[in-house]
Amino acid sequence: LVNQLPEANLILLKHLFGVLHHIEQNSGVNQMNAFNLALCIAPNMLWLPSPTGPEEESRSTKKVALLVQFLIENSGEIFGGDIASLF
């Protein structure tokens, strides 16, 4: 799916997840592991298109957080091993 994104979107995601991966690599110092980062970032990345109840919103946020956590933890494989060289 990543390869089907427009180039500008792919570059943005590479940089975003490169930064998040770098932060996660220093979680021993900053306490921001992939799970904690995902909880902070996920609500700002994807959301339901129409207002729903709090239960549905909570389920949706958890699903997005799991996706973001997966992307952070596997960013090298998903976006290419050179993700660290972006900086």
N, C-alpha and C. Protein backbone atom coordinates (compact mmCIF):
# COMPACT_ATOMS: atom_id res chain seq x y z
N LEU A 1 0.81 -1.20 0.00
CA LEU A 1 0.00 0.00 0.00
C LEU A 1 0.85 1.26 0.00
N VAL A 2 1.97 1.20 0.72
CA VAL A 2 2.84 2.37 0.80
C VAL A 2 3.33 2.78 -0.58
N ASN A 3 3.64 1.80 -1.40
CA ASN A 3 4.14 2.10 -2.74
C ASN A 3 3.08 2.69 -3.66
N GLN A 4 1.82 2.60 -3.28
CA GLN A 4 0.74 3.16 -4.09
C GLN A 4 0.43 4.61 -3.73
N LEU A 5 1.07 5.12 -2.69
CA LEU A 5 0.84 6.51 -2.29
C LEU A 5 1.50 7.48 -3.27
N PRO A 6 0.93 8.67 -3.42
CA PRO A 6 1.63 9.70 -4.20
C PRO A 6 2.99 9.98 -3.56
N GLU A 7 3.95 10.36 -4.39
CA GLU A 7 5.32 10.53 -3.91
C GLU A 7 5.42 11.52 -2.75
N ALA A 8 4.70 12.62 -2.81
CA ALA A 8 4.75 13.62 -1.73
C ALA A 8 4.27 13.03 -0.41
N ASN A 9 3.21 12.23 -0.46
CA ASN A 9 2.69 11.60 0.76
C ASN A 9 3.69 10.59 1.32
N LEU A 10 4.31 9.84 0.44
CA LEU A 10 5.29 8.85 0.87
C LEU A 10 6.49 9.53 1.52
N ILE A 11 6.97 10.60 0.96
CA ILE A 11 8.11 11.33 1.54
C ILE A 11 7.74 11.87 2.91
N LEU A 12 6.54 12.42 3.03
CA LEU A 12 6.09 12.93 4.32
C LEU A 12 6.03 11.82 5.36
N LEU A 13 5.45 10.68 5.00
CA LEU A 13 5.37 9.56 5.94
C LEU A 13 6.75 9.04 6.32
N LYS A 14 7.65 8.97 5.35
CA LYS A 14 9.02 8.53 5.66
C LYS A 14 9.66 9.43 6.70
N HIS A 15 9.53 10.72 6.52
CA HIS A 15 10.12 11.65 7.46
C HIS A 15 9.44 11.59 8.82
N LEU A 16 8.12 11.55 8.83
CA LEU A 16 7.39 11.48 10.09
C LEU A 16 7.75 10.23 10.87
N PHE A 17 7.70 9.09 10.22
CA PHE A 17 8.00 7.85 10.93
C PHE A 17 9.49 7.67 11.18
N GLY A 18 10.32 8.34 10.39
CA GLY A 18 11.74 8.37 10.71
C GLY A 18 12.00 9.08 12.02
N VAL A 19 11.33 10.21 12.21
CA VAL A 19 11.46 10.96 13.47
C VAL A 19 10.92 10.14 14.63
N LEU A 20 9.73 9.57 14.45
CA LEU A 20 9.13 8.77 15.52
C LEU A 20 9.99 7.55 15.86
N HIS A 21 10.55 6.93 14.84
CA HIS A 21 11.44 5.77 15.08
C HIS A 21 12.68 6.21 15.85
N HIS A 22 13.23 7.36 15.50
CA HIS A 22 14.41 7.88 16.19
C HIS A 22 14.08 8.16 17.67
N ILE A 23 12.94 8.75 17.92
CA ILE A 23 12.51 9.01 19.30
C ILE A 23 12.36 7.69 20.04
N GLU A 24 11.75 6.71 19.39
CA GLU A 24 11.53 5.40 20.02
C GLU A 24 12.86 4.70 20.32
N GLN A 25 13.86 4.91 19.49
CA GLN A 25 15.17 4.30 19.72
C GLN A 25 15.83 4.84 20.99
N ASN A 26 15.40 6.00 21.46
CA ASN A 26 15.93 6.60 22.68
C ASN A 26 14.95 6.50 23.84
N SER A 27 14.08 5.50 23.80
CA SER A 27 13.03 5.37 24.82
C SER A 27 13.60 5.09 26.21
N GLY A 28 14.81 4.59 26.29
CA GLY A 28 15.43 4.38 27.60
C GLY A 28 15.67 5.68 28.34
N VAL A 29 15.83 6.74 27.60
CA VAL A 29 16.06 8.07 28.17
C VAL A 29 14.77 8.88 28.24
N ASN A 30 13.97 8.82 27.18
CA ASN A 30 12.80 9.71 27.10
C ASN A 30 11.47 9.05 27.45
N GLN A 31 11.48 7.75 27.73
CA GLN A 31 10.27 7.00 28.11
C GLN A 31 9.21 6.97 27.00
N MET A 32 9.57 7.29 25.79
CA MET A 32 8.61 7.31 24.68
C MET A 32 8.85 6.11 23.77
N ASN A 33 8.31 4.97 24.18
CA ASN A 33 8.39 3.79 23.33
C ASN A 33 7.34 3.91 22.22
N ALA A 34 7.28 2.93 21.32
CA ALA A 34 6.37 3.01 20.19
C ALA A 34 4.91 3.10 20.65
N PHE A 35 4.57 2.41 21.71
CA PHE A 35 3.20 2.45 22.23
C PHE A 35 2.84 3.85 22.72
N ASN A 36 3.70 4.45 23.52
CA ASN A 36 3.45 5.80 24.04
C ASN A 36 3.37 6.83 22.91
N LEU A 37 4.27 6.72 21.95
CA LEU A 37 4.24 7.64 20.81
C LEU A 37 2.94 7.48 20.02
N ALA A 38 2.54 6.24 19.81
CA ALA A 38 1.32 5.98 19.06
C ALA A 38 0.11 6.58 19.76
N LEU A 39 0.05 6.47 21.08
CA LEU A 39 -1.08 7.04 21.81
C LEU A 39 -1.13 8.56 21.67
N CYS A 40 0.04 9.18 21.57
CA CYS A 40 0.09 10.64 21.42
C CYS A 40 -0.23 11.09 20.00
N ILE A 41 0.25 10.36 19.02
CA ILE A 41 0.17 10.78 17.62
C ILE A 41 -1.11 10.31 16.93
N ALA A 42 -1.58 9.12 17.24
CA ALA A 42 -2.69 8.51 16.51
C ALA A 42 -3.94 9.38 16.42
N PRO A 43 -4.38 10.01 17.51
CA PRO A 43 -5.62 10.81 17.40
C PRO A 43 -5.52 11.97 16.41
N ASN A 44 -4.31 12.37 16.08
CA ASN A 44 -4.12 13.48 15.14
C ASN A 44 -3.91 13.02 13.71
N MET A 45 -3.75 11.72 13.50
CA MET A 45 -3.47 11.21 12.16
C MET A 45 -4.73 10.80 11.41
N LEU A 46 -5.57 10.03 12.06
CA LEU A 46 -6.79 9.52 11.42
C LEU A 46 -7.94 9.64 12.40
N TRP A 47 -9.10 9.95 11.87
CA TRP A 47 -10.28 10.01 12.72
C TRP A 47 -11.50 9.67 11.88
N LEU A 48 -12.57 9.35 12.55
CA LEU A 48 -13.81 9.00 11.86
C LEU A 48 -14.37 10.22 11.13
N PRO A 49 -14.93 10.03 9.94
CA PRO A 49 -15.42 11.17 9.15
C PRO A 49 -16.66 11.84 9.73
N SER A 50 -17.42 11.12 10.52
CA SER A 50 -18.62 11.73 11.09
C SER A 50 -18.64 11.53 12.60
N PRO A 51 -19.27 12.45 13.32
CA PRO A 51 -19.33 12.32 14.78
C PRO A 51 -20.04 11.03 15.19
N THR A 52 -19.47 10.37 16.15
CA THR A 52 -20.06 9.13 16.68
C THR A 52 -20.05 9.21 18.19
N GLY A 53 -20.50 8.15 18.80
CA GLY A 53 -20.50 8.10 20.26
C GLY A 53 -19.10 7.89 20.80
N PRO A 54 -18.92 8.10 22.10
CA PRO A 54 -17.60 7.95 22.71
C PRO A 54 -17.05 6.53 22.63
N GLU A 55 -17.92 5.53 22.64
CA GLU A 55 -17.44 4.15 22.56
C GLU A 55 -16.81 3.86 21.20
N GLU A 56 -17.50 4.29 20.14
CA GLU A 56 -16.98 4.08 18.79
C GLU A 56 -15.70 4.88 18.57
N GLU A 57 -15.66 6.07 19.08
CA GLU A 57 -14.47 6.90 18.95
C GLU A 57 -13.29 6.27 19.68
N SER A 58 -13.53 5.70 20.85
CA SER A 58 -12.48 5.03 21.61
C SER A 58 -11.96 3.81 20.86
N ARG A 59 -12.85 3.00 20.29
CA ARG A 59 -12.43 1.83 19.52
C ARG A 59 -11.61 2.25 18.30
N SER A 60 -12.06 3.28 17.63
CA SER A 60 -11.35 3.77 16.45
C SER A 60 -9.95 4.27 16.81
N THR A 61 -9.86 5.03 17.89
CA THR A 61 -8.56 5.56 18.33
C THR A 61 -7.60 4.42 18.67
N LYS A 62 -8.10 3.37 19.31
CA LYS A 62 -7.24 2.23 19.65
C LYS A 62 -6.73 1.54 18.40
N LYS A 63 -7.60 1.39 17.39
CA LYS A 63 -7.17 0.75 16.15
C LYS A 63 -6.10 1.58 15.45
N VAL A 64 -6.30 2.88 15.40
CA VAL A 64 -5.31 3.75 14.77
C VAL A 64 -4.00 3.72 15.55
N ALA A 65 -4.08 3.71 16.87
CA ALA A 65 -2.87 3.66 17.70
C ALA A 65 -2.08 2.38 17.43
N LEU A 66 -2.77 1.25 17.27
CA LEU A 66 -2.09 0.00 16.96
C LEU A 66 -1.41 0.07 15.60
N LEU A 67 -2.06 0.69 14.63
CA LEU A 67 -1.46 0.86 13.31
C LEU A 67 -0.22 1.75 13.39
N VAL A 68 -0.32 2.86 14.09
CA VAL A 68 0.82 3.78 14.22
C VAL A 68 1.96 3.10 14.95
N GLN A 69 1.66 2.35 16.00
CA GLN A 69 2.70 1.61 16.72
C GLN A 69 3.40 0.64 15.78
N PHE A 70 2.63 -0.10 15.00
CA PHE A 70 3.21 -1.03 14.04
C PHE A 70 4.12 -0.31 13.04
N LEU A 71 3.67 0.83 12.53
CA LEU A 71 4.46 1.59 11.56
C LEU A 71 5.75 2.10 12.19
N ILE A 72 5.70 2.52 13.45
CA ILE A 72 6.92 2.99 14.13
C ILE A 72 7.90 1.84 14.30
N GLU A 73 7.40 0.73 14.81
CA GLU A 73 8.27 -0.41 15.10
C GLU A 73 8.85 -1.05 13.85
N ASN A 74 8.18 -0.91 12.73
CA ASN A 74 8.62 -1.56 11.49
C ASN A 74 8.94 -0.56 10.38
N SER A 75 9.26 0.65 10.77
CA SER A 75 9.47 1.71 9.78
C SER A 75 10.60 1.39 8.81
N GLY A 76 11.65 0.76 9.28
CA GLY A 76 12.77 0.42 8.39
C GLY A 76 12.35 -0.53 7.29
N GLU A 77 11.56 -1.53 7.64
CA GLU A 77 11.10 -2.50 6.65
C GLU A 77 10.03 -1.90 5.73
N ILE A 78 9.19 -1.04 6.28
CA ILE A 78 8.08 -0.48 5.50
C ILE A 78 8.55 0.61 4.55
N PHE A 79 9.38 1.52 5.06
CA PHE A 79 9.78 2.68 4.27
C PHE A 79 11.19 2.57 3.71
N GLY A 80 11.85 1.48 3.98
CA GLY A 80 13.21 1.29 3.48
C GLY A 80 14.22 1.44 4.58
N GLY A 81 15.26 0.65 4.54
CA GLY A 81 16.28 0.64 5.57
C GLY A 81 17.04 1.94 5.72
N ASP A 82 16.92 2.83 4.74
CA ASP A 82 17.67 4.08 4.77
C ASP A 82 16.92 5.20 5.51
N ILE A 83 15.90 4.84 6.26
CA ILE A 83 15.07 5.85 6.93
C ILE A 83 15.90 6.69 7.90
N ALA A 84 16.90 6.10 8.52
CA ALA A 84 17.73 6.84 9.46
C ALA A 84 18.62 7.84 8.74
N SER A 85 18.90 7.61 7.47
CA SER A 85 19.76 8.52 6.72
C SER A 85 19.05 9.80 6.30
N LEU A 86 17.75 9.91 6.57
CA LEU A 86 17.01 11.11 6.22
C LEU A 86 17.45 12.30 7.06
N PHE A 87 18.13 12.02 8.17
CA PHE A 87 18.52 13.09 9.08
C PHE A 87 19.99 13.34 8.96
